[in-house]
Protein backbone atom coordinates (compact mmCIF):
# COMPACT_ATOMS: atom_id res chain seq x y z
CA MET A 1 0.00 0.00 0.00
CA LYS A 2 2.82 2.38 0.94
CA LYS A 3 4.61 1.52 -2.31
CA VAL A 4 1.53 2.39 -4.39
CA LYS A 5 1.14 5.74 -2.58
CA LYS A 6 4.82 6.53 -3.17
CA GLU A 7 4.53 5.77 -6.88
CA LYS A 8 1.45 7.99 -7.18
CA LYS A 9 3.28 10.82 -5.38
CA VAL A 10 6.27 10.56 -7.75
CA LYS A 11 3.90 10.58 -10.73
CA ARG A 12 2.10 13.69 -9.42
CA ASN A 13 5.44 15.50 -8.87
CA LYS A 14 6.51 14.74 -12.44
CA GLU A 15 3.22 16.01 -13.85
CA HIS A 16 3.43 19.12 -11.67
CA LYS A 17 6.96 19.86 -12.88
CA LYS A 18 5.90 19.37 -16.48
CA LYS A 19 3.03 21.85 -16.07
CA ARG A 20 5.39 24.39 -14.52
CA GLY A 21 7.76 24.07 -17.47
CA CYS A 22 10.63 22.54 -15.50
CA ASP A 23 11.39 19.98 -18.22
CA SER A 24 13.93 22.01 -20.17
CA HIS A 25 14.99 21.25 -23.72
CA ALA A 26 18.63 20.26 -23.49
CA THR A 27 21.13 18.28 -25.46
CA THR A 28 23.12 15.65 -23.59
CA VAL A 29 26.55 14.70 -24.89
CA LYS A 30 28.09 11.42 -23.69
CA LEU A 31 31.78 11.83 -22.92
CA GLU A 32 34.38 9.11 -22.84
CA GLY A 33 35.45 8.32 -19.29
CA VAL A 34 33.38 11.07 -17.69
CA ASP A 35 29.77 11.63 -16.72
CA ALA A 36 27.30 13.01 -19.19
CA VAL A 37 27.39 16.78 -19.48
CA THR A 38 24.24 18.69 -20.26
CA PHE A 39 24.39 21.84 -22.34
CA GLN A 40 21.33 24.03 -22.20
CA ALA A 41 20.25 25.17 -25.66
CA VAL A 42 18.05 27.97 -24.34
CA GLN A 43 16.37 28.54 -21.04
CA SER A 44 12.84 27.22 -21.04
CA ALA A 45 10.38 29.89 -22.12
CA THR A 46 8.26 29.05 -19.11
CA GLN A 47 10.12 30.08 -15.96
CA SER A 48 9.75 28.33 -12.61
CA ASP A 49 7.53 29.97 -10.01
CA HIS A 50 10.59 31.11 -8.10
CA LYS A 51 12.13 32.83 -11.11
CA ARG A 52 8.85 34.42 -12.16
CA LYS A 53 8.41 35.85 -8.68
CA ARG A 54 11.99 37.15 -8.71
CA ARG A 55 11.50 38.86 -12.06
CA LYS A 56 8.24 40.42 -10.86
CA LYS A 57 9.92 41.66 -7.67
CA GLU A 58 12.87 43.17 -9.58
CA LYS A 59 10.52 44.85 -12.06
CA GLN A 60 8.48 46.35 -9.22
CA SER A 61 11.67 47.54 -7.49
CA LYS A 62 12.92 49.15 -10.69
CA ASN A 63 9.60 50.88 -11.32
CA LEU A 64 9.69 52.24 -7.76
CA THR A 65 13.27 53.48 -8.21
CA ASP A 66 12.49 54.98 -11.62
CA SER A 67 9.72 57.01 -10.03
CA ASN A 68 12.20 58.44 -7.50
CA THR A 69 14.80 59.76 -9.89
CA THR A 70 17.83 61.40 -8.27
CA THR A 71 19.28 64.25 -10.32
CA LEU A 72 22.04 66.81 -10.03
CA ARG A 73 21.04 70.19 -11.44
CA MET A 74 23.89 71.94 -13.26
CA GLU A 75 24.43 75.67 -13.65
CA THR A 76 23.39 75.37 -17.29
CA GLY A 77 19.98 74.11 -16.13
CA ARG A 78 20.64 70.57 -17.32
CA GLU A 79 20.05 67.72 -14.88
CA LEU A 80 22.21 64.62 -14.49
CA ASP A 81 20.44 61.39 -13.53
CA THR A 82 22.75 59.82 -10.93
CA ARG A 83 20.80 56.62 -10.14
CA TYR A 84 22.69 54.02 -12.18
CA ILE A 85 26.36 54.70 -12.87
CA LEU A 86 28.98 52.85 -14.90
CA ALA A 87 32.23 53.12 -12.92
CA PRO A 88 35.55 54.30 -14.37
CA MET A 89 37.64 51.22 -15.27
CA VAL A 90 41.08 51.21 -16.89
CA GLY A 91 40.83 49.33 -20.17
CA ALA A 92 37.14 48.59 -19.63
CA SER A 93 34.85 51.67 -19.57
CA GLU A 94 35.80 52.64 -23.11
CA LEU A 95 33.34 54.27 -25.53
CA ALA A 96 31.91 51.04 -26.98
CA PHE A 97 31.17 49.54 -23.57
CA ARG A 98 29.70 52.83 -22.31
CA LEU A 99 27.29 52.91 -25.25
CA LEU A 100 26.27 49.29 -24.58
CA CYS A 101 25.58 49.97 -20.90
CA ARG A 102 23.65 53.15 -21.69
CA ARG A 103 21.34 51.16 -23.97
CA HIS A 104 20.58 48.85 -21.06
CA GLY A 105 19.89 51.11 -18.11
CA ALA A 106 23.01 53.07 -17.14
CA THR A 107 22.06 56.73 -16.64
CA LEU A 108 25.61 58.10 -16.23
CA ALA A 109 29.02 56.82 -17.31
CA TYR A 110 32.68 57.57 -16.56
CA THR A 111 35.64 57.33 -18.90
CA PRO A 112 38.59 55.12 -17.93
CA MET A 113 41.25 56.85 -15.81
CA ILE A 114 43.17 59.39 -17.88
CA ASN A 115 46.66 60.56 -16.88
CA SER A 116 46.28 64.34 -16.74
CA GLU A 117 49.99 65.00 -17.34
CA ARG A 118 50.14 62.97 -20.54
CA PHE A 119 46.75 64.28 -21.63
CA VAL A 120 48.05 67.84 -21.57
CA SER A 121 51.37 67.13 -23.28
CA ASP A 122 50.61 64.29 -25.74
CA GLU A 123 48.09 64.85 -28.55
CA ALA A 124 48.16 61.20 -29.66
CA TYR A 125 47.39 60.12 -26.10
CA ARG A 126 44.45 62.57 -25.99
CA LYS A 127 42.91 61.12 -29.14
CA GLN A 128 43.36 57.58 -27.88
CA GLU A 129 42.11 58.02 -24.32
CA PHE A 130 39.22 60.45 -24.74
CA GLN A 131 36.76 59.25 -27.37
CA THR A 132 33.09 60.15 -27.32
CA THR A 133 30.00 60.73 -29.47
CA PRO A 134 26.76 62.71 -29.02
CA ALA A 135 25.07 59.48 -27.84
CA ASP A 136 27.67 59.13 -25.10
CA ARG A 137 26.06 61.57 -22.67
CA PRO A 138 25.92 62.39 -19.88
CA LEU A 139 29.62 61.69 -19.53
CA VAL A 140 32.16 62.16 -16.73
CA ALA A 141 35.84 62.54 -17.70
CA HIS A 142 37.88 60.74 -15.06
CA PHE A 143 41.46 61.96 -14.41
CA SER A 144 44.39 61.07 -12.20
CA ALA A 145 46.24 64.20 -11.06
CA ASN A 146 48.42 65.62 -8.30
CA HIS A 147 49.12 69.12 -9.61
CA PRO A 148 46.49 71.92 -9.70
CA LYS A 149 47.75 73.62 -12.85
CA THR A 150 48.13 70.40 -14.85
CA PHE A 151 44.73 69.06 -13.82
CA LEU A 152 43.05 72.35 -14.74
CA LYS A 153 44.67 72.31 -18.20
CA ALA A 154 43.45 68.76 -18.76
CA ALA A 155 39.93 69.63 -17.61
CA LYS A 156 39.75 72.67 -19.88
CA LEU A 157 40.59 70.49 -22.88
CA VAL A 158 37.41 68.40 -22.48
CA GLU A 159 34.91 70.53 -20.55
CA GLY A 160 32.96 71.23 -23.73
CA GLN A 161 32.65 67.53 -24.58
CA CYS A 162 31.49 66.10 -21.24
CA ASP A 163 29.17 66.92 -18.36
CA ALA A 164 31.53 66.71 -15.37
CA ILE A 165 35.20 66.26 -14.48
CA ASP A 166 36.20 63.64 -11.92
CA LEU A 167 39.37 63.41 -9.82
CA ASN A 168 40.59 59.90 -9.06
CA LEU A 169 41.14 59.55 -5.31
CA GLY A 170 40.50 55.83 -5.13
CA CYS A 171 43.10 53.95 -7.18
CA PRO A 172 44.90 51.52 -4.83
CA GLN A 173 47.45 50.15 -7.32
CA ARG A 174 51.19 50.35 -6.71
CA VAL A 175 51.49 52.50 -9.83
CA ALA A 176 49.33 55.09 -8.02
CA PHE A 177 51.81 55.09 -5.13
CA VAL A 178 54.67 55.62 -7.59
CA GLY A 179 52.82 58.47 -9.35
CA HIS A 180 51.46 59.87 -6.06
CA PHE A 181 47.81 59.92 -7.13
CA GLY A 182 44.57 58.07 -6.45
CA SER A 183 44.03 56.85 -2.89
CA PHE A 184 47.60 57.86 -2.02
CA LEU A 185 46.50 61.52 -2.14
CA LEU A 186 44.11 60.93 0.77
CA ALA A 187 46.78 60.96 3.49
CA GLU A 188 46.53 63.75 6.05
CA GLU A 189 49.89 65.17 4.98
CA ASP A 190 48.50 65.69 1.45
CA ARG A 191 45.21 67.28 2.50
CA ALA A 192 46.33 70.86 1.82
CA LEU A 193 47.52 69.89 -1.67
CA LEU A 194 44.32 67.96 -2.40
CA LEU A 195 42.04 70.82 -1.38
CA LYS A 196 44.17 73.26 -3.37
CA ILE A 197 43.68 71.09 -6.47
CA VAL A 198 39.93 70.93 -5.91
CA ARG A 199 39.53 74.67 -5.34
CA ARG A 200 41.67 75.59 -8.34
CA VAL A 201 39.80 73.36 -10.77
CA SER A 202 36.24 73.72 -9.45
CA ARG A 203 36.45 77.53 -9.65
CA ASN A 204 37.79 77.61 -13.18
CA ILE A 205 35.67 75.15 -15.16
CA SER A 206 32.12 75.55 -16.43
CA ILE A 207 30.94 72.08 -15.42
CA PRO A 208 30.85 70.31 -12.01
CA LEU A 209 33.87 68.70 -10.39
CA PHE A 210 33.33 65.21 -8.92
CA VAL A 211 35.64 62.96 -6.92
CA LYS A 212 35.78 59.20 -6.38
CA ILE A 213 37.31 58.21 -3.05
CA ARG A 214 37.97 55.23 -0.79
CA LEU A 215 37.27 55.03 2.92
CA LEU A 216 39.77 56.36 5.44
CA ASP A 217 40.70 54.44 8.59
CA THR A 218 37.64 55.63 10.54
CA VAL A 219 34.20 56.72 9.43
CA GLU A 220 34.71 60.03 11.25
CA ASP A 221 37.81 60.71 9.15
CA THR A 222 35.91 59.87 5.95
CA ILE A 223 33.06 62.24 6.86
CA THR A 224 35.54 65.04 7.61
CA LEU A 225 37.28 64.44 4.27
CA CYS A 226 33.98 64.57 2.38
CA GLN A 227 32.94 67.77 4.13
CA GLN A 228 36.27 69.37 3.24
CA LEU A 229 35.95 68.29 -0.40
CA ARG A 230 32.40 69.65 -0.56
CA ASP A 231 33.42 72.98 0.95
CA ALA A 232 36.30 73.22 -1.54
CA GLY A 233 33.91 72.93 -4.48
CA VAL A 234 33.18 69.25 -5.17
CA LYS A 235 29.61 68.69 -6.40
CA LEU A 236 29.37 64.88 -6.14
CA ILE A 237 31.31 62.23 -4.19
CA ALA A 238 31.39 58.57 -5.21
CA ILE A 239 32.59 56.30 -2.41
CA HIS A 240 34.20 52.94 -3.06
CA ALA A 241 33.32 51.45 0.30
CA ARG A 242 36.66 49.78 1.00
CA HIS A 243 39.67 51.27 2.75
CA ARG A 244 42.40 53.12 0.93
CA VAL A 245 45.29 50.73 0.50
CA ASN A 246 48.58 50.75 2.37
CA LEU A 247 51.73 49.97 0.42
CA ALA A 248 52.62 46.83 2.35
CA ILE A 249 49.73 45.79 4.60
CA ARG A 250 46.78 44.31 2.72
CA THR A 251 44.55 43.32 5.63
CA GLY A 252 42.53 45.46 8.04
CA PRO A 253 42.64 49.19 7.22
CA GLY A 254 44.27 49.23 3.81
CA ALA A 255 42.73 45.97 2.57
CA ARG A 256 41.74 46.12 -1.09
CA HIS A 257 39.36 43.20 -1.06
CA GLY A 258 36.50 41.81 0.99
CA PRO A 259 32.90 43.02 1.35
CA ALA A 260 32.29 46.73 0.91
CA MET A 261 31.45 48.55 4.14
CA LEU A 262 28.16 50.09 3.11
CA ASP A 263 27.35 51.13 6.67
CA GLN A 264 30.06 53.79 6.33
CA VAL A 265 28.52 55.09 3.09
CA LYS A 266 25.25 55.34 4.97
CA ALA A 267 26.94 57.33 7.74
CA VAL A 268 28.47 59.74 5.21
CA LYS A 269 25.10 60.25 3.50
CA GLU A 270 23.44 60.98 6.84
CA ALA A 271 26.11 63.61 7.55
CA ILE A 272 26.15 65.18 4.07
CA THR A 273 22.81 65.90 2.46
CA ASP A 274 23.51 68.91 0.24
CA ILE A 275 25.48 67.12 -2.53
CA PRO A 276 24.94 63.67 -4.08
CA ILE A 277 26.71 60.75 -2.43
CA ILE A 278 27.17 57.68 -4.64
CA SER A 279 27.62 54.17 -3.27
CA ASN A 280 30.07 51.77 -4.94
CA GLY A 281 30.51 48.15 -3.82
CA ASN A 282 28.74 44.81 -3.22
CA VAL A 283 26.74 45.00 -6.46
CA ARG A 284 26.42 41.90 -8.64
CA THR A 285 22.70 41.83 -9.46
CA PHE A 286 19.92 44.37 -9.88
CA ASN A 287 18.53 43.24 -6.55
CA ASP A 288 21.92 44.20 -5.02
CA VAL A 289 21.52 47.64 -6.59
CA MET A 290 18.12 48.07 -4.96
CA GLU A 291 19.31 46.79 -1.58
CA ASN A 292 22.41 48.98 -1.69
CA GLN A 293 20.42 52.14 -2.38
CA LYS A 294 17.76 51.24 0.18
CA PHE A 295 20.32 50.61 2.92
CA THR A 296 22.72 53.52 2.27
CA GLN A 297 20.08 56.03 1.06
CA ALA A 298 22.73 57.11 -1.46
CA ASP A 299 21.80 59.27 -4.43
CA GLY A 300 22.97 56.61 -6.86
CA VAL A 301 24.75 53.28 -7.17
CA MET A 302 27.94 52.74 -9.14
CA SER A 303 28.99 49.37 -10.52
CA ALA A 304 32.25 48.00 -11.92
CA GLU A 305 32.60 44.23 -11.40
CA GLY A 306 28.89 43.45 -11.61
CA ILE A 307 28.30 45.38 -14.82
CA LEU A 308 31.29 43.74 -16.50
CA ASP A 309 29.56 40.37 -16.16
CA ASN A 310 26.17 41.79 -17.09
CA PRO A 311 26.13 45.09 -19.04
CA ALA A 312 22.32 45.06 -18.66
CA LEU A 313 22.65 45.05 -14.86
CA PHE A 314 20.78 48.35 -14.43
CA SER A 315 17.92 47.33 -16.71
CA GLY A 316 16.58 44.89 -14.12
CA GLU A 317 16.90 41.97 -16.56
CA LEU A 318 17.64 38.56 -15.06
CA GLU A 319 21.39 38.06 -15.30
CA SER A 320 20.94 34.27 -15.47
CA VAL A 321 19.30 34.29 -18.91
CA THR A 322 21.98 32.85 -21.20
CA THR A 323 20.40 34.08 -24.43
CA LYS A 324 20.36 37.64 -23.07
CA LYS A 325 24.10 37.55 -22.39
CA LEU A 326 24.83 36.24 -25.87
CA ASP A 327 22.69 39.00 -27.35
CA LEU A 328 24.67 41.56 -25.34
CA ALA A 329 27.93 40.12 -26.67
CA LYS A 330 26.63 40.34 -30.25
CA GLU A 331 25.50 43.90 -29.66
CA TYR A 332 28.92 44.85 -28.25
CA MET A 333 30.65 43.36 -31.29
CA GLN A 334 28.44 45.44 -33.55
CA ILE A 335 29.25 48.62 -31.62
CA ILE A 336 33.03 48.11 -31.85
CA LYS A 337 32.76 47.96 -35.64
CA GLU A 338 31.73 51.62 -35.50
CA HIS A 339 33.75 52.56 -32.40
CA PRO A 340 36.83 50.28 -32.34
CA ALA A 341 38.51 49.31 -29.07
CA VAL A 342 41.94 47.77 -28.54
CA LEU A 343 42.00 44.00 -28.95
CA LYS A 344 42.74 43.10 -25.33
CA THR A 345 39.80 45.25 -24.18
CA VAL A 346 37.43 43.50 -26.59
CA VAL A 347 38.66 40.07 -25.49
CA PHE A 348 38.32 41.09 -21.84
CA HIS A 349 34.69 42.17 -22.23
CA LEU A 350 33.62 39.13 -24.24
CA ARG A 351 35.32 36.83 -21.74
CA ARG A 352 33.46 38.46 -18.86
CA MET A 353 30.09 38.45 -20.63
CA CYS A 354 30.26 34.90 -21.98
CA ARG A 355 32.67 33.12 -19.67
CA GLN A 356 30.37 30.19 -18.86
CA GLU A 357 29.45 29.57 -22.49
CA LEU A 358 33.07 29.89 -23.66
CA MET A 359 34.16 27.35 -21.06
CA SER A 360 31.27 24.97 -21.79
CA TYR A 361 32.16 24.89 -25.47
CA GLN A 362 35.94 24.81 -24.79
CA LEU A 363 36.58 28.12 -26.56
CA LEU A 364 37.90 30.30 -23.74
CA ASP A 365 41.57 29.60 -24.38
CA GLU A 366 41.03 30.19 -28.10
CA LEU A 367 39.55 33.62 -27.38
CA LEU A 368 42.38 34.53 -24.98
CA GLN A 369 44.94 33.60 -27.65
CA ALA A 370 43.29 35.74 -30.36
CA LYS A 371 45.78 37.92 -32.24
CA THR A 372 43.35 39.86 -34.44
CA MET A 373 39.70 40.91 -34.48
CA ASP A 374 39.15 38.29 -37.19
CA ASP A 375 40.29 35.65 -34.69
CA VAL A 376 37.84 37.04 -32.12
CA GLU A 377 34.94 37.05 -34.57
CA LYS A 378 35.71 33.48 -35.66
CA THR A 379 35.79 32.18 -32.08
CA MET A 380 32.64 34.03 -31.05
CA GLY A 381 30.87 32.90 -34.24
CA THR A 382 31.64 29.31 -33.31
CA MET A 383 30.27 29.86 -29.82
CA PHE A 384 27.06 31.42 -31.14
CA GLN A 385 26.65 28.47 -33.51
CA TYR A 386 27.10 25.92 -30.72
CA SER A 387 24.64 27.82 -28.54
CA LYS A 388 22.03 27.68 -31.28
CA PHE A 389 22.74 24.07 -32.29
CA PRO A 390 24.38 22.38 -29.27
CA GLU A 391 24.17 18.98 -30.92
CA THR A 392 26.96 20.08 -33.29
CA PHE A 393 29.43 20.44 -30.40
CA THR A 394 31.79 17.59 -29.57
CA TYR A 395 33.47 17.59 -26.20
CA GLU A 396 37.24 16.98 -26.28
CA PRO A 397 38.73 15.79 -22.95
CA ASP A 398 42.30 16.65 -24.02
CA LYS A 399 41.27 20.16 -24.97
CA GLN A 400 39.59 20.59 -21.59
CA LYS A 401 42.85 19.68 -19.86
CA LYS A 402 44.77 22.18 -21.99
CA GLN A 403 42.19 24.89 -21.30
CA LYS A 404 42.43 24.29 -17.56
CA ALA A 405 46.23 24.32 -17.70
CA ALA A 406 46.20 27.57 -19.71
CA LEU A 407 43.95 29.29 -17.15
CA GLU A 408 46.12 28.10 -14.26
CA ARG A 409 49.24 29.31 -16.09
CA LYS A 410 47.65 32.70 -16.75
CA LYS A 411 46.66 33.01 -13.09
CA PHE A 412 50.18 32.06 -12.00
CA GLU A 413 51.82 34.54 -14.38
CA GLU A 414 49.55 37.39 -13.32
CA GLY A 415 50.37 36.65 -9.67
CA LYS A 416 54.10 37.30 -10.12
CA ARG A 417 53.93 40.85 -8.80
CA LYS A 418 52.04 39.81 -5.66
CA ARG A 419 54.55 37.02 -4.95
CA PHE A 420 57.42 39.47 -5.41
CA GLU A 421 55.81 41.84 -2.92
CA GLY A 422 55.43 38.99 -0.44
CA ARG A 423 59.10 38.03 -0.73
CA MET A 424 60.24 41.62 -0.23
CA GLN A 425 58.05 42.03 2.86
CA ARG A 426 59.36 38.80 4.38
CA LYS A 427 62.94 39.88 3.68
CA ALA A 428 62.35 43.24 5.36
CA LYS A 429 60.76 41.53 8.37
CA ARG A 430 63.73 39.15 8.76
CA GLU A 431 66.11 42.11 8.73
CA GLY A 432 64.05 44.16 11.17
CA LYS A 433 63.24 46.83 8.57
CA PRO A 434 59.84 48.45 7.85
CA LEU A 435 57.67 46.11 5.76
CA ASP A 436 57.67 48.49 2.79
CA PHE A 437 61.47 49.07 2.87
CA TYR A 438 62.29 46.96 -0.20
CA LEU A 439 59.00 47.78 -1.89
CA LYS A 440 60.11 51.41 -2.04
CA ASP A 441 63.64 50.60 -3.20
CA GLY A 442 63.88 51.48 -6.91
CA LEU A 443 60.24 52.57 -7.01
CA GLU A 444 60.81 56.18 -8.10
CA PRO A 445 59.82 56.38 -11.80
CA PRO A 446 62.23 57.58 -14.51
CA THR A 447 61.56 60.80 -16.40
CA ALA A 448 61.46 61.17 -20.19
CA ASN A 449 64.92 62.77 -20.10
CA VAL A 450 66.34 59.82 -18.17
CA ILE A 451 64.90 57.39 -20.73
CA ALA A 452 66.35 59.42 -23.60
CA SER A 453 69.77 59.51 -21.93
CA LEU A 454 69.80 55.75 -21.35
CA LYS A 455 68.71 55.03 -24.92
CA SER A 456 71.80 56.86 -26.15
CA LYS A 457 73.99 54.29 -24.40
CA GLY A 458 74.62 50.65 -25.16
CA LYS A 459 71.92 48.23 -24.10
CA GLU A 460 74.07 46.47 -21.48
CA GLU A 461 75.23 49.72 -19.91
CA ALA A 462 71.68 51.10 -19.95
CA PHE A 463 70.35 47.95 -18.26
CA ALA A 464 73.03 48.10 -15.54
CA LEU A 465 72.18 51.73 -14.74
CA TRP A 466 68.47 50.94 -14.90
CA SER A 467 68.82 48.03 -12.45
CA LYS A 468 70.61 50.28 -10.01
CA SER A 469 68.05 53.10 -9.88
CA TYR A 470 64.75 51.75 -11.28
CA LYS A 471 64.82 48.07 -10.36
CA GLN A 472 61.06 47.81 -9.85
CA HIS A 473 60.26 49.19 -13.30
CA CYS A 474 60.14 47.11 -16.48
CA PHE A 475 63.14 47.71 -18.74
CA ALA A 476 61.46 46.10 -21.77
CA PHE A 477 58.36 48.27 -21.38
CA HIS A 478 60.43 51.39 -22.03
CA PHE A 479 63.24 50.12 -24.28
CA GLU A 480 61.86 47.36 -26.50
CA THR A 481 60.19 48.56 -29.72
CA SER A 482 57.13 46.38 -29.15
CA GLY A 483 57.09 47.01 -25.38
CA CYS A 484 56.84 44.25 -22.79
CA LYS A 485 55.37 41.05 -24.19
CA ARG A 486 54.47 39.82 -20.72
CA ASP A 487 51.89 42.60 -20.26
CA ARG A 488 49.88 41.85 -17.06
CA ALA A 489 52.05 38.82 -16.36
CA CYS A 490 55.10 41.04 -15.82
CA ALA A 491 56.30 41.29 -12.21
CA PHE A 492 57.77 44.75 -12.88
CA LEU A 493 55.90 48.05 -13.06
CA HIS A 494 54.65 49.46 -16.37
CA PHE A 495 54.52 53.17 -15.59
CA ASP A 496 53.80 56.05 -17.99
CA LEU A 497 56.59 58.58 -18.18
CA ALA A 498 56.20 61.66 -16.02
CA ALA A 499 55.33 64.76 -18.02
CA ALA A 500 57.77 67.60 -18.55
CA SER A 501 56.04 69.76 -15.93
CA HIS A 502 57.52 67.57 -13.21
CA GLU A 503 60.90 66.77 -14.75
CA ASP A 504 62.59 69.88 -13.39
CA GLU A 505 61.90 68.67 -9.84
CA ARG A 506 64.10 65.64 -10.49
CA SER A 507 66.54 67.10 -13.03
CA ASN A 508 69.46 66.19 -10.78
CA GLU A 509 68.80 62.53 -11.69
CA MET A 510 70.46 63.17 -15.04
CA GLN A 511 73.80 63.88 -13.43
CA SER A 512 74.24 60.26 -12.39
CA PHE A 513 73.97 59.18 -16.04
CA GLY A 514 76.56 61.59 -17.36
């Protein structure tokens, strides 16, 4: 009797699932020596109750947020919608990606970080780093700077082509320590310089000045900083809710990773109500966006990591819909035909958008090895074909092993710098020196005049002098015609040359090179 009841229950569950549309249409490929792997052709048109409820909830949340638009009124009378913001990302928030994100919900977008010194002195660099179109508005031009005059010159060059200028006060990279910008300008000893920069630029441009910062060691210090920036002329503050980084210590205050501390953004917003405060951190889904804004009461939410995986993040679309992600990738590839991006940027975006599909169809390594846009289009075309007709894909165990090995190798290579830093800290600790002692040794960047002087010498002599004074900087990056082939895998620093405006301060360096 119990057996009959159990069978009836199983039968009812199967029928119930079928009615709900849980029986998806998938193709199963039998692999030699491994379990069967199922590749989903498309997500079933009929969603499960759970997913339907989630979509309804996200749609309701978005409609509620859309009805409470947060705007910044400019002196020209124009208003900037600050709700959904694409963050500034080096090599990632380029024109093509900005246009894609704007089509799918982003209301404001930032350029990648632009070196203000090079921007002022190098016309080719200007054309490469600042690209825009009438459809690319409203736009914030995002600069690194540590000199009032230079930053103002850079801002004046673009103020007619964007809607706001932003000063980078959040970059935690070692290159920012070397160049003395980003989060390394937030130290108390640099406060007078920082406020001088803000006052000088904000009073002499026709559009608003924004800043993007990281948290200081205490929330009280962060609030004081924000108040000082506001009083000096800043019209909007975006807060990456993680601490500004220390050179050597990467845990506790100064940690770059870990959950964003949104409670501190909330505290800043409660203290400062007369200018927009933007929250940045802990955003992977549209629901995260809603929860972030609700908790912090910020005037907008900025996304970097989350929007890289799903450029339609701010549209409220379900990020789990595979076909949607593939459509976004196709749309991005169409945009770059009109607004080209460098190859590694294109590969980066497509990898982030379609990572799961590329791995499922064993095409990720092929994409990463692409040498031309034709290679990229061929690989992506194959992936789109497999997604449409999964039965045409044949799983290759050997290729899977090679793909896994390639990813592990890439991860190992890109970790060289971190391992070097660890060795130098341990060495300093053994010798009783400050942890950053060896990290600062040879960290001062060369000037353009130093590079020119060394290039006039023989390669061996130049390398010997370089190793003595600039041992943490990549020799190949500056002296090889094609630059450093290791790119991100290089353990040495790839640092742009300091502009002429700062060369006089270190002109005595030239004496040591004759």
